[in-house]
Every structure is written in structure tokens, then in C-alpha cells.
Amino acid sequence: MRVTSPLWILGAILLAGTVHAFQASPASPAKAPGPSYDEFCGKTRMEKQDLFRTMTPAEKAALWQTQIERWRALNHARLTDDQRAVLRDFHAIIPIAVVRPVTPDTAAKLSALEARLKAAFSKAELHELDNYGPCIKKGSDPGLTPQFQYPRRARMVAPSRRTLTSSS
């Protein structure tokens, strides 16, 4: 009587399953890639919300991270070290923050980060950092700050003299 090695049987089963998987899997249609940040910015708020709901977590994360990167570049000169650190942490957590459902561990991290964001930035700045906040064109002039103009897109405006000079 011939004894067959269990490893050989396992290998044959795995090979048969692999061949079967390749034969049985129909060609799935490829999903078109999500919009670029600039394409997303060209939409109204309602269109952005509808589009955001249909995007993959990776696409959502890429858009939001671009918003943070451009905002940070635009405002870099005036940010404190603490604000820069909070932005780094915010940028890093976004890929797991957009995944649903949120795990209890992620929820705790997000809650702690939200408290740090609220302590480090004003409401207006937090709005600018939001994924639906005003869009920032690549290479924007650091002398300009994004301002939200409801319900239309953001516009870039120069800071007023009053904010540049201190009143005595």
C-alpha cells in the first residue's frame, strides 16, 4: 500500500483551488478613479457631498490630505510648533478616520485629536481645514487667506489692514 504525503495532498488542493479561482472569477469592471482635488473643488457643496459619499476611503483620504497640505503650505509662516504638530497628527490619522464603521480605538484617537484641534485653531481655521472647506489653489500666495463665501466656492482675499496692524 502506497502512503501519500499530507504536504503533497495540501499542495494539490491549493493548486486546484487557485486554478478554479482564476477560471471562475468573471472580469469585474474597474471603478473609475475619483476626482482630483481641483476637480472636486469645481463642484458645488451639494455635488461635493453627493460625490464624497460614493468615493472609496482612499479617495476621501487623498482629498482631505490635499486640503490639509495646501492649507498648511499657505499658512506655514504663521503656525506655531504646536499647530504644526497637530496638523501632522491630523494628516496621519485621516486614512483611518474615513473608514466606516469607526472602531472604538479609532473613535478614541479621533476624539483626542478633535480636542487638540479645537485648542490649537479658531473656528474659521477649522472650517478651512474641513474636507468641505474652501478650496485652495496649488501654489496660492501666502499673503492670501481662503474665505468661505456661502453657498458658492471659496475666494482668495488679502487680509485687511486692520488685521495686519495692531491697534493701540
C-alpha atoms as a PDB file:
ATOM      1  CA  MET A   1       0.000   0.000   0.000  1.00  0.00           C
ATOM      2  CA  ARG A   2       1.337   3.382  -1.013  1.00  0.00           C
ATOM      3  CA  VAL A   3       1.259   6.229   1.548  1.00  0.00           C
ATOM      4  CA  THR A   4       0.800   9.715   0.130  1.00  0.00           C
ATOM      5  CA  SER A   5       2.417  12.671   1.866  1.00  0.00           C
ATOM      6  CA  PRO A   6      -0.033  15.104   3.513  1.00  0.00           C
ATOM      7  CA  LEU A   7       2.018  18.024   2.105  1.00  0.00           C
ATOM      8  CA  TRP A   8       1.545  16.727  -1.441  1.00  0.00           C
ATOM      9  CA  ILE A   9      -2.224  16.496  -0.894  1.00  0.00           C
ATOM     10  CA  LEU A  10      -2.339  20.007   0.585  1.00  0.00           C
ATOM     11  CA  GLY A  11      -0.339  21.335  -2.389  1.00  0.00           C
ATOM     12  CA  ALA A  12      -2.710  19.661  -4.864  1.00  0.00           C
ATOM     13  CA  ILE A  13      -5.762  21.100  -3.087  1.00  0.00           C
ATOM     14  CA  LEU A  14      -4.251  24.598  -3.049  1.00  0.00           C
ATOM     15  CA  LEU A  15      -3.264  24.369  -6.715  1.00  0.00           C
ATOM     16  CA  ALA A  16      -6.710  23.128  -7.711  1.00  0.00           C
ATOM     17  CA  GLY A  17      -8.339  25.945  -5.745  1.00  0.00           C
ATOM     18  CA  THR A  18      -6.075  28.530  -7.382  1.00  0.00           C
ATOM     19  CA  VAL A  19      -6.793  27.253 -10.888  1.00  0.00           C
ATOM     20  CA  HIS A  20     -10.516  27.132 -10.089  1.00  0.00           C
ATOM     21  CA  ALA A  21     -10.427  30.687  -8.705  1.00  0.00           C
ATOM     22  CA  PHE A  22      -8.844  32.003 -11.896  1.00  0.00           C
ATOM     23  CA  GLN A  23     -11.354  30.201 -14.093  1.00  0.00           C
ATOM     24  CA  ALA A  24     -14.453  31.066 -12.076  1.00  0.00           C
ATOM     25  CA  SER A  25     -13.815  34.756 -11.479  1.00  0.00           C
ATOM     26  CA  PRO A  26     -15.570  36.893 -14.056  1.00  0.00           C
ATOM     27  CA  ALA A  27     -13.877  40.077 -15.178  1.00  0.00           C
ATOM     28  CA  SER A  28     -15.071  42.751 -12.793  1.00  0.00           C
ATOM     29  CA  PRO A  29     -15.470  46.229 -14.200  1.00  0.00           C
ATOM     30  CA  ALA A  30     -12.795  48.599 -12.959  1.00  0.00           C
ATOM     31  CA  LYS A  31     -14.056  51.572 -10.953  1.00  0.00           C
ATOM     32  CA  ALA A  32     -13.061  54.888 -12.430  1.00  0.00           C
ATOM     33  CA  PRO A  33     -10.636  56.763 -10.196  1.00  0.00           C
ATOM     34  CA  GLY A  34     -12.085  59.503  -8.038  1.00  0.00           C
ATOM     35  CA  PRO A  35     -11.789  63.154  -8.942  1.00  0.00           C
ATOM     36  CA  SER A  36      -8.626  65.117  -8.328  1.00  0.00           C
ATOM     37  CA  TYR A  37      -8.668  67.779  -5.621  1.00  0.00           C
ATOM     38  CA  ASP A  38      -9.045  70.527  -8.216  1.00  0.00           C
ATOM     39  CA  GLU A  39     -11.920  68.706  -9.968  1.00  0.00           C
ATOM     40  CA  PHE A  40     -13.629  68.201  -6.604  1.00  0.00           C
ATOM     41  CA  CYS A  41     -13.228  71.916  -5.859  1.00  0.00           C
ATOM     42  CA  GLY A  42     -15.035  72.819  -9.058  1.00  0.00           C
ATOM     43  CA  LYS A  43     -18.277  71.391  -7.702  1.00  0.00           C
ATOM     44  CA  THR A  44     -20.976  72.961  -5.560  1.00  0.00           C
ATOM     45  CA  ARG A  45     -21.253  71.956  -1.900  1.00  0.00           C
ATOM     46  CA  MET A  46     -24.189  69.621  -2.641  1.00  0.00           C
ATOM     47  CA  GLU A  47     -22.322  67.978  -5.517  1.00  0.00           C
ATOM     48  CA  LYS A  48     -19.266  67.555  -3.278  1.00  0.00           C
ATOM     49  CA  GLN A  49     -21.358  65.870  -0.576  1.00  0.00           C
ATOM     50  CA  ASP A  50     -23.001  63.503  -3.059  1.00  0.00           C
ATOM     51  CA  LEU A  51     -19.662  62.652  -4.653  1.00  0.00           C
ATOM     52  CA  PHE A  52     -17.903  62.198  -1.300  1.00  0.00           C
ATOM     53  CA  ARG A  53     -20.477  59.579  -0.271  1.00  0.00           C
ATOM     54  CA  THR A  54     -19.651  57.469  -3.343  1.00  0.00           C
ATOM     55  CA  MET A  55     -15.865  57.641  -3.007  1.00  0.00           C
ATOM     56  CA  THR A  56     -13.628  54.950  -1.562  1.00  0.00           C
ATOM     57  CA  PRO A  57     -11.899  55.612   1.773  1.00  0.00           C
ATOM     58  CA  ALA A  58      -8.561  56.016  -0.054  1.00  0.00           C
ATOM     59  CA  GLU A  59     -10.035  58.640  -2.399  1.00  0.00           C
ATOM     60  CA  LYS A  60     -11.625  60.509   0.518  1.00  0.00           C
ATOM     61  CA  ALA A  61      -8.363  60.448   2.439  1.00  0.00           C
ATOM     62  CA  ALA A  62      -6.384  61.746  -0.554  1.00  0.00           C
ATOM     63  CA  LEU A  63      -8.739  64.703  -0.997  1.00  0.00           C
ATOM     64  CA  TRP A  64      -8.743  65.625   2.669  1.00  0.00           C
ATOM     65  CA  GLN A  65      -4.976  65.256   2.985  1.00  0.00           C
ATOM     66  CA  THR A  66      -4.521  67.554  -0.014  1.00  0.00           C
ATOM     67  CA  GLN A  67      -6.738  70.142   1.714  1.00  0.00           C
ATOM     68  CA  ILE A  68      -4.544  69.971   4.822  1.00  0.00           C
ATOM     69  CA  GLU A  69      -1.278  70.052   2.840  1.00  0.00           C
ATOM     70  CA  ARG A  70      -2.316  73.116   0.856  1.00  0.00           C
ATOM     71  CA  TRP A  71      -3.699  74.907   3.918  1.00  0.00           C
ATOM     72  CA  ARG A  72      -0.503  74.172   5.854  1.00  0.00           C
ATOM     73  CA  ALA A  73       1.656  75.450   2.967  1.00  0.00           C
ATOM     74  CA  LEU A  74      -0.450  78.607   2.696  1.00  0.00           C
ATOM     75  CA  ASN A  75      -0.327  79.334   6.431  1.00  0.00           C
ATOM     76  CA  HIS A  76       3.056  77.807   7.358  1.00  0.00           C
ATOM     77  CA  ALA A  77       4.780  81.060   8.302  1.00  0.00           C
ATOM     78  CA  ARG A  78       2.251  81.959  10.999  1.00  0.00           C
ATOM     79  CA  LEU A  79       1.761  78.494  12.533  1.00  0.00           C
ATOM     80  CA  THR A  80       3.178  77.654  15.947  1.00  0.00           C
ATOM     81  CA  ASP A  81       5.121  74.448  16.565  1.00  0.00           C
ATOM     82  CA  ASP A  82       2.091  73.055  18.439  1.00  0.00           C
ATOM     83  CA  GLN A  83      -0.202  73.795  15.488  1.00  0.00           C
ATOM     84  CA  ARG A  84       2.239  72.137  13.088  1.00  0.00           C
ATOM     85  CA  ALA A  85       2.355  69.045  15.317  1.00  0.00           C
ATOM     86  CA  VAL A  86      -1.445  68.851  15.481  1.00  0.00           C
ATOM     87  CA  LEU A  87      -1.650  69.173  11.676  1.00  0.00           C
ATOM     88  CA  ARG A  88       0.912  66.359  11.258  1.00  0.00           C
ATOM     89  CA  ASP A  89      -1.165  64.104  13.508  1.00  0.00           C
ATOM     90  CA  PHE A  90      -4.384  65.122  11.738  1.00  0.00           C
ATOM     91  CA  HIS A  91      -2.840  64.380   8.329  1.00  0.00           C
ATOM     92  CA  ALA A  92      -1.619  60.979   9.559  1.00  0.00           C
ATOM     93  CA  ILE A  93      -4.956  59.836  11.028  1.00  0.00           C
ATOM     94  CA  ILE A  94      -7.127  60.700   8.020  1.00  0.00           C
ATOM     95  CA  PRO A  95      -6.702  57.346   6.196  1.00  0.00           C
ATOM     96  CA  ILE A  96      -8.241  55.507   9.166  1.00  0.00           C
ATOM     97  CA  ALA A  97     -10.706  58.297  10.016  1.00  0.00           C
ATOM     98  CA  VAL A  98     -12.608  57.941   6.719  1.00  0.00           C
ATOM     99  CA  VAL A  99     -13.119  54.181   7.056  1.00  0.00           C
ATOM    100  CA  ARG A 100     -16.593  53.158   8.218  1.00  0.00           C
ATOM    101  CA  PRO A 101     -17.566  51.791  10.634  1.00  0.00           C
ATOM    102  CA  VAL A 102     -15.198  53.550  13.021  1.00  0.00           C
ATOM    103  CA  THR A 103     -13.645  51.216  15.581  1.00  0.00           C
ATOM    104  CA  PRO A 104     -13.705  52.185  19.279  1.00  0.00           C
ATOM    105  CA  ASP A 105      -9.904  52.642  19.175  1.00  0.00           C
ATOM    106  CA  THR A 106     -10.139  54.983  16.186  1.00  0.00           C
ATOM    107  CA  ALA A 107     -13.037  56.864  17.797  1.00  0.00           C
ATOM    108  CA  ALA A 108     -10.913  57.475  20.904  1.00  0.00           C
ATOM    109  CA  LYS A 109      -7.982  58.731  18.794  1.00  0.00           C
ATOM    110  CA  LEU A 110     -10.287  60.994  16.796  1.00  0.00           C
ATOM    111  CA  SER A 111     -11.874  62.405  19.950  1.00  0.00           C
ATOM    112  CA  ALA A 112      -8.460  63.225  21.448  1.00  0.00           C
ATOM    113  CA  LEU A 113      -7.306  64.795  18.185  1.00  0.00           C
ATOM    114  CA  GLU A 114     -10.516  66.836  17.890  1.00  0.00           C
ATOM    115  CA  ALA A 115      -9.854  68.334  21.337  1.00  0.00           C
ATOM    116  CA  ARG A 116      -6.295  69.232  20.279  1.00  0.00           C
ATOM    117  CA  LEU A 117      -7.540  70.772  17.013  1.00  0.00           C
ATOM    118  CA  LYS A 118     -10.141  72.890  18.838  1.00  0.00           C
ATOM    119  CA  ALA A 119      -7.495  74.096  21.298  1.00  0.00           C
ATOM    120  CA  ALA A 120      -4.960  74.953  18.586  1.00  0.00           C
ATOM    121  CA  PHE A 121      -7.156  76.555  15.898  1.00  0.00           C
ATOM    122  CA  SER A 122     -10.012  79.030  15.615  1.00  0.00           C
ATOM    123  CA  LYS A 123     -13.439  78.030  14.269  1.00  0.00           C
ATOM    124  CA  ALA A 124     -12.641  79.745  10.964  1.00  0.00           C
ATOM    125  CA  GLU A 125      -9.371  77.830  10.656  1.00  0.00           C
ATOM    126  CA  LEU A 126     -11.092  74.545  11.469  1.00  0.00           C
ATOM    127  CA  HIS A 127     -13.641  75.265   8.756  1.00  0.00           C
ATOM    128  CA  GLU A 128     -10.805  75.878   6.289  1.00  0.00           C
ATOM    129  CA  LEU A 129      -9.267  72.513   7.242  1.00  0.00           C
ATOM    130  CA  ASP A 130     -12.564  70.658   6.796  1.00  0.00           C
ATOM    131  CA  ASN A 131     -12.957  68.348   3.807  1.00  0.00           C
ATOM    132  CA  TYR A 132     -15.787  70.602   2.563  1.00  0.00           C
ATOM    133  CA  GLY A 133     -13.875  73.767   3.417  1.00  0.00           C
ATOM    134  CA  PRO A 134     -12.811  76.359   0.864  1.00  0.00           C
ATOM    135  CA  CYS A 135     -10.555  75.004  -1.847  1.00  0.00           C
ATOM    136  CA  ILE A 136      -7.006  76.245  -2.046  1.00  0.00           C
ATOM    137  CA  LYS A 137      -5.346  76.508  -5.422  1.00  0.00           C
ATOM    138  CA  LYS A 138      -1.935  74.898  -5.724  1.00  0.00           C
ATOM    139  CA  GLY A 139       0.801  77.475  -5.221  1.00  0.00           C
ATOM    140  CA  SER A 140      -1.556  80.062  -3.684  1.00  0.00           C
ATOM    141  CA  ASP A 141       0.024  83.282  -2.473  1.00  0.00           C
ATOM    142  CA  PRO A 142       0.778  83.066   1.275  1.00  0.00           C
ATOM    143  CA  GLY A 143      -0.397  86.692   1.578  1.00  0.00           C
ATOM    144  CA  LEU A 144      -3.913  85.488   0.773  1.00  0.00           C
ATOM    145  CA  THR A 145      -6.172  83.504   3.041  1.00  0.00           C
ATOM    146  CA  PRO A 146      -9.138  81.401   1.937  1.00  0.00           C
ATOM    147  CA  GLN A 147     -12.509  82.803   2.881  1.00  0.00           C
ATOM    148  CA  PHE A 148     -15.737  80.873   2.620  1.00  0.00           C
ATOM    149  CA  GLN A 149     -18.487  82.556   0.694  1.00  0.00           C
ATOM    150  CA  TYR A 150     -21.728  80.612   1.200  1.00  0.00           C
ATOM    151  CA  PRO A 151     -23.096  78.913  -0.900  1.00  0.00           C
ATOM    152  CA  ARG A 152     -20.541  79.453  -3.652  1.00  0.00           C
ATOM    153  CA  ARG A 153     -16.930  78.367  -3.832  1.00  0.00           C
ATOM    154  CA  ALA A 154     -14.153  79.897  -1.798  1.00  0.00           C
ATOM    155  CA  ARG A 155     -12.441  83.039  -2.926  1.00  0.00           C
ATOM    156  CA  MET A 156      -8.993  84.269  -2.055  1.00  0.00           C
ATOM    157  CA  VAL A 157      -8.827  87.663  -0.351  1.00  0.00           C
ATOM    158  CA  ALA A 158      -5.990  89.732   1.029  1.00  0.00           C
ATOM    159  CA  PRO A 159      -6.040  90.299   4.794  1.00  0.00           C
ATOM    160  CA  SER A 160      -7.383  93.699   5.779  1.00  0.00           C
ATOM    161  CA  ARG A 161      -5.094  96.422   7.099  1.00  0.00           C
ATOM    162  CA  ARG A 162      -6.850  96.174  10.439  1.00  0.00           C
ATOM    163  CA  THR A 163      -5.644  92.578  10.911  1.00  0.00           C
ATOM    164  CA  LEU A 164      -2.099  93.499   9.853  1.00  0.00           C
ATOM    165  CA  THR A 165      -1.622  96.435  12.248  1.00  0.00           C
ATOM    166  CA  SER A 166      -2.079  96.352  15.957  1.00  0.00           C
ATOM    167  CA  SER A 167      -4.465  98.847  17.455  1.00  0.00           C
ATOM    168  CA  SER A 168      -3.228 100.794  20.462  1.00  0.00           C
END
